[in-house]
Amino acid sequence: MVSIIYKLVQPSDYNGITMNKKETIIRTAMRLFSEKGYYGMGLNELLTLSEVPKGSFYYYFPQGKKQLLQETLDYCYNDMKSMWHRSLFLMDSIEDIFLTMIDVLANEIKDHRYFDSLTMTMLSIESVYLDEEINQKCAQLYNDWKNEYTLQFEKRGYDHESATMKSQAVFSLIHGSMLSSWIKQDNTDLLDAKKALPMIIHG
């Protein structure tokens, strides 16, 4: 079992690693965007929580809040993807990969923690009404997300058509269960998804 913990950001520390100012801003923005959305997140609150002066913010994000949102999306996705390749995707069994993924997400929701895929989901839903450029970025990230799943099926012997269909079904099962579990603040839907997962993979 892979043990993965995402902490709420602290001003100068993430998993024991000192962050630079830009990363501190982004990790603070991840939580605030998840909690309050794009319009609800105030710059003053962001700067206070990240302990970064306004000048530093505009040094790293000269285009302001929109640029911050775009870079937060990229950061979340790359962080999540890196974790997959360091741990989950090293497993031999495609079933074990996604069962473990569900367990990790269920634990995060049980402990009421924010995590990369949740932040991406919240921002992507809102992006439909925000800005065409941001919406296209979210659509591209989601396509890449599903393609990562497809590739893992193919690496384990599934033909492209079967891998594409099964990865779409697995993506929908896990992603939908994650979202409904977060809304309910109860991880039961994710745990129920574990029962359906083997049927999708082997059916």
Protein backbone atom coordinates (compact mmCIF):
# COMPACT_ATOMS: atom_id res chain seq x y z
CA MET A 1 0.00 0.00 0.00
CA VAL A 2 1.29 3.41 -0.97
CA SER A 3 1.08 6.04 1.75
CA ILE A 4 0.70 9.57 0.38
CA ILE A 5 -0.16 12.59 2.52
CA TYR A 6 -0.91 16.08 1.30
CA LYS A 7 -0.64 18.71 4.05
CA LEU A 8 -2.29 22.06 4.05
CA VAL A 9 0.38 24.53 3.05
CA GLN A 10 2.49 26.16 5.70
CA PRO A 11 4.22 29.42 4.76
CA SER A 12 7.75 28.09 4.34
CA ASP A 13 7.54 24.35 4.51
CA TYR A 14 6.07 21.51 2.44
CA ASN A 15 6.84 17.94 3.48
CA GLY A 16 10.01 19.18 5.16
CA ILE A 17 11.30 20.97 2.06
CA THR A 18 11.81 24.71 2.16
CA MET A 19 9.80 26.34 -0.61
CA ASN A 20 10.68 29.40 -2.62
CA LYS A 21 8.29 32.34 -2.58
CA LYS A 22 6.61 31.42 -5.86
CA GLU A 23 5.86 27.88 -4.73
CA THR A 24 4.60 29.18 -1.40
CA ILE A 25 2.16 31.47 -3.22
CA ILE A 26 0.97 28.67 -5.49
CA ARG A 27 0.45 26.17 -2.68
CA THR A 28 -1.47 28.73 -0.66
CA ALA A 29 -3.54 29.56 -3.74
CA MET A 30 -4.37 25.87 -4.18
CA ARG A 31 -6.19 25.80 -0.87
CA LEU A 32 -7.88 29.17 -1.31
CA PHE A 33 -9.02 28.43 -4.86
CA SER A 34 -10.44 25.11 -3.65
CA GLU A 35 -12.28 26.72 -0.75
CA LYS A 36 -13.45 29.96 -2.35
CA GLY A 37 -13.15 29.71 -6.11
CA TYR A 38 -11.47 32.15 -8.45
CA TYR A 39 -13.59 35.20 -7.64
CA GLY A 40 -13.87 34.44 -3.95
CA MET A 41 -10.13 34.30 -3.37
CA GLY A 42 -8.85 37.72 -2.33
CA LEU A 43 -5.31 38.80 -3.06
CA ASN A 44 -4.82 40.31 0.40
CA GLU A 45 -5.79 37.04 2.06
CA LEU A 46 -3.44 35.13 -0.21
CA LEU A 47 -0.53 37.43 0.61
CA THR A 48 -1.24 37.31 4.35
CA LEU A 49 -1.39 33.51 4.47
CA SER A 50 1.64 33.01 2.25
CA GLU A 51 3.59 35.75 4.08
CA VAL A 52 4.72 37.25 0.78
CA PRO A 53 4.67 40.99 -0.05
CA LYS A 54 2.58 42.29 -2.94
CA GLY A 55 5.71 43.25 -4.88
CA SER A 56 6.92 39.67 -4.81
CA PHE A 57 3.54 38.44 -6.00
CA TYR A 58 3.60 40.64 -9.11
CA TYR A 59 7.25 39.79 -9.71
CA TYR A 60 6.30 36.14 -10.09
CA PHE A 61 2.85 36.73 -11.57
CA PRO A 62 2.97 39.98 -13.58
CA GLN A 63 -0.39 39.16 -15.20
CA GLY A 64 -1.98 38.85 -11.77
CA LYS A 65 -4.64 36.44 -10.67
CA LYS A 66 -5.28 34.86 -14.06
CA GLN A 67 -1.64 33.88 -14.43
CA LEU A 68 -1.67 32.54 -10.88
CA LEU A 69 -4.66 30.37 -11.71
CA GLN A 70 -3.01 28.98 -14.84
CA GLU A 71 0.23 28.20 -13.03
CA THR A 72 -1.66 26.67 -10.10
CA LEU A 73 -3.39 24.30 -12.52
CA ASP A 74 -0.05 23.32 -14.04
CA TYR A 75 1.53 22.88 -10.60
CA CYS A 76 -1.32 20.67 -9.38
CA TYR A 77 -1.24 18.48 -12.45
CA ASN A 78 2.53 18.11 -12.56
CA ASP A 79 2.66 17.37 -8.82
CA MET A 80 -0.04 14.72 -9.18
CA LYS A 81 1.57 13.21 -12.29
CA SER A 82 4.96 13.07 -10.58
CA MET A 83 3.43 11.21 -7.65
CA TRP A 84 1.82 8.67 -10.00
CA HIS A 85 5.11 7.91 -11.71
CA ARG A 86 7.06 7.71 -8.44
CA SER A 87 4.68 5.27 -6.83
CA LEU A 88 1.39 4.09 -8.32
CA PHE A 89 2.54 3.50 -11.88
CA LEU A 90 5.43 1.35 -10.66
CA MET A 91 2.96 -1.37 -9.62
CA ASP A 92 2.67 -4.43 -11.84
CA SER A 93 -1.10 -4.77 -11.61
CA ILE A 94 -3.38 -2.22 -13.28
CA GLU A 95 -6.05 -3.12 -10.73
CA ASP A 96 -3.70 -2.41 -7.82
CA ILE A 97 -2.83 0.99 -9.30
CA PHE A 98 -6.38 2.23 -9.26
CA LEU A 99 -7.45 0.48 -6.06
CA THR A 100 -4.56 2.20 -4.29
CA MET A 101 -5.46 5.50 -5.92
CA ILE A 102 -9.00 5.19 -4.54
CA ASP A 103 -7.66 4.38 -1.06
CA VAL A 104 -5.42 7.45 -1.13
CA LEU A 105 -8.28 9.74 -2.21
CA ALA A 106 -10.65 8.20 0.34
CA ASN A 107 -8.17 8.89 3.14
CA GLU A 108 -7.70 12.49 2.01
CA ILE A 109 -11.45 13.08 2.06
CA LYS A 110 -11.85 11.30 5.39
CA ASP A 111 -9.29 13.70 6.88
CA HIS A 112 -10.85 16.72 5.08
CA ARG A 113 -7.59 17.57 3.30
CA TYR A 114 -7.23 19.39 0.01
CA PHE A 115 -5.23 17.63 -2.69
CA ASP A 116 -4.13 18.19 -6.28
CA SER A 117 -6.92 16.41 -8.14
CA LEU A 118 -9.57 18.09 -6.00
CA THR A 119 -8.12 21.55 -6.66
CA MET A 120 -7.96 20.84 -10.39
CA THR A 121 -11.56 19.65 -10.39
CA MET A 122 -12.86 22.72 -8.55
CA LEU A 123 -10.98 25.11 -10.83
CA SER A 124 -11.89 23.22 -14.00
CA ILE A 125 -15.60 23.36 -13.25
CA GLU A 126 -15.38 27.08 -12.61
CA SER A 127 -13.25 27.62 -15.72
CA VAL A 128 -16.25 26.99 -17.98
CA TYR A 129 -17.59 30.37 -16.86
CA LEU A 130 -14.31 32.21 -16.40
CA ASP A 131 -12.23 32.50 -19.51
CA GLU A 132 -11.87 30.62 -22.82
CA GLU A 133 -8.10 30.36 -22.49
CA ILE A 134 -8.32 28.90 -18.98
CA ASN A 135 -11.10 26.55 -20.03
CA GLN A 136 -8.97 25.25 -22.91
CA LYS A 137 -6.06 24.68 -20.52
CA CYS A 138 -8.32 22.67 -18.21
CA ALA A 139 -9.64 20.62 -21.14
CA GLN A 140 -6.08 19.89 -22.27
CA LEU A 141 -5.04 18.84 -18.77
CA TYR A 142 -8.06 16.53 -18.48
CA ASN A 143 -7.26 14.92 -21.84
CA ASP A 144 -3.67 14.36 -20.73
CA TRP A 145 -4.94 12.98 -17.42
CA LYS A 146 -7.06 10.33 -19.16
CA ASN A 147 -4.29 9.57 -21.65
CA GLU A 148 -1.99 8.75 -18.71
CA TYR A 149 -4.50 6.11 -17.63
CA THR A 150 -4.74 4.74 -21.17
CA LEU A 151 -0.98 4.44 -21.39
CA GLN A 152 -0.87 2.40 -18.19
CA PHE A 153 -3.43 -0.05 -19.58
CA GLU A 154 -1.43 -0.35 -22.81
CA LYS A 155 1.80 -0.98 -20.90
CA ARG A 156 0.08 -3.95 -19.27
CA GLY A 157 -1.01 -5.60 -22.49
CA TYR A 158 -4.33 -4.01 -23.43
CA ASP A 159 -4.84 -2.99 -27.06
CA HIS A 160 -5.37 0.71 -27.72
CA GLU A 161 -9.14 0.54 -28.21
CA SER A 162 -9.71 -1.50 -25.06
CA ALA A 163 -7.26 0.64 -23.07
CA THR A 164 -9.03 3.82 -24.17
CA MET A 165 -12.47 2.54 -23.23
CA LYS A 166 -11.39 1.12 -19.88
CA SER A 167 -9.39 4.20 -18.93
CA GLN A 168 -12.41 6.41 -19.67
CA ALA A 169 -14.61 4.20 -17.49
CA VAL A 170 -12.06 4.11 -14.66
CA PHE A 171 -11.50 7.86 -14.88
CA SER A 172 -15.25 8.52 -14.70
CA LEU A 173 -15.72 6.10 -11.80
CA ILE A 174 -12.89 7.46 -9.67
CA HIS A 175 -13.33 11.11 -10.55
CA GLY A 176 -17.11 11.08 -10.09
CA SER A 177 -16.84 9.20 -6.80
CA MET A 178 -14.17 11.60 -5.57
CA LEU A 179 -16.34 14.61 -6.33
CA SER A 180 -19.50 13.17 -4.77
CA SER A 181 -17.54 12.04 -1.70
CA TRP A 182 -16.10 15.54 -1.24
CA ILE A 183 -19.53 17.14 -1.60
CA LYS A 184 -20.94 14.79 1.04
CA GLN A 185 -17.76 14.99 3.16
CA ASP A 186 -18.03 11.23 3.37
CA ASN A 187 -15.74 8.80 1.53
CA THR A 188 -18.37 6.06 1.18
CA ASP A 189 -18.87 6.64 -2.56
CA LEU A 190 -15.15 6.20 -3.18
CA LEU A 191 -15.06 3.03 -1.10
CA ASP A 192 -18.05 1.70 -3.06
CA ALA A 193 -16.15 2.48 -6.27
CA LYS A 194 -13.53 -0.07 -5.18
CA LYS A 195 -16.16 -2.79 -5.54
CA ALA A 196 -17.03 -1.74 -9.11
CA LEU A 197 -13.45 -1.22 -10.28
CA PRO A 198 -12.50 -4.90 -10.89
CA MET A 199 -15.58 -5.39 -13.06
CA ILE A 200 -14.56 -2.44 -15.26
CA ILE A 201 -10.97 -3.60 -15.57
CA HIS A 202 -11.64 -7.28 -16.16
CA GLY A 203 -15.10 -7.16 -17.70
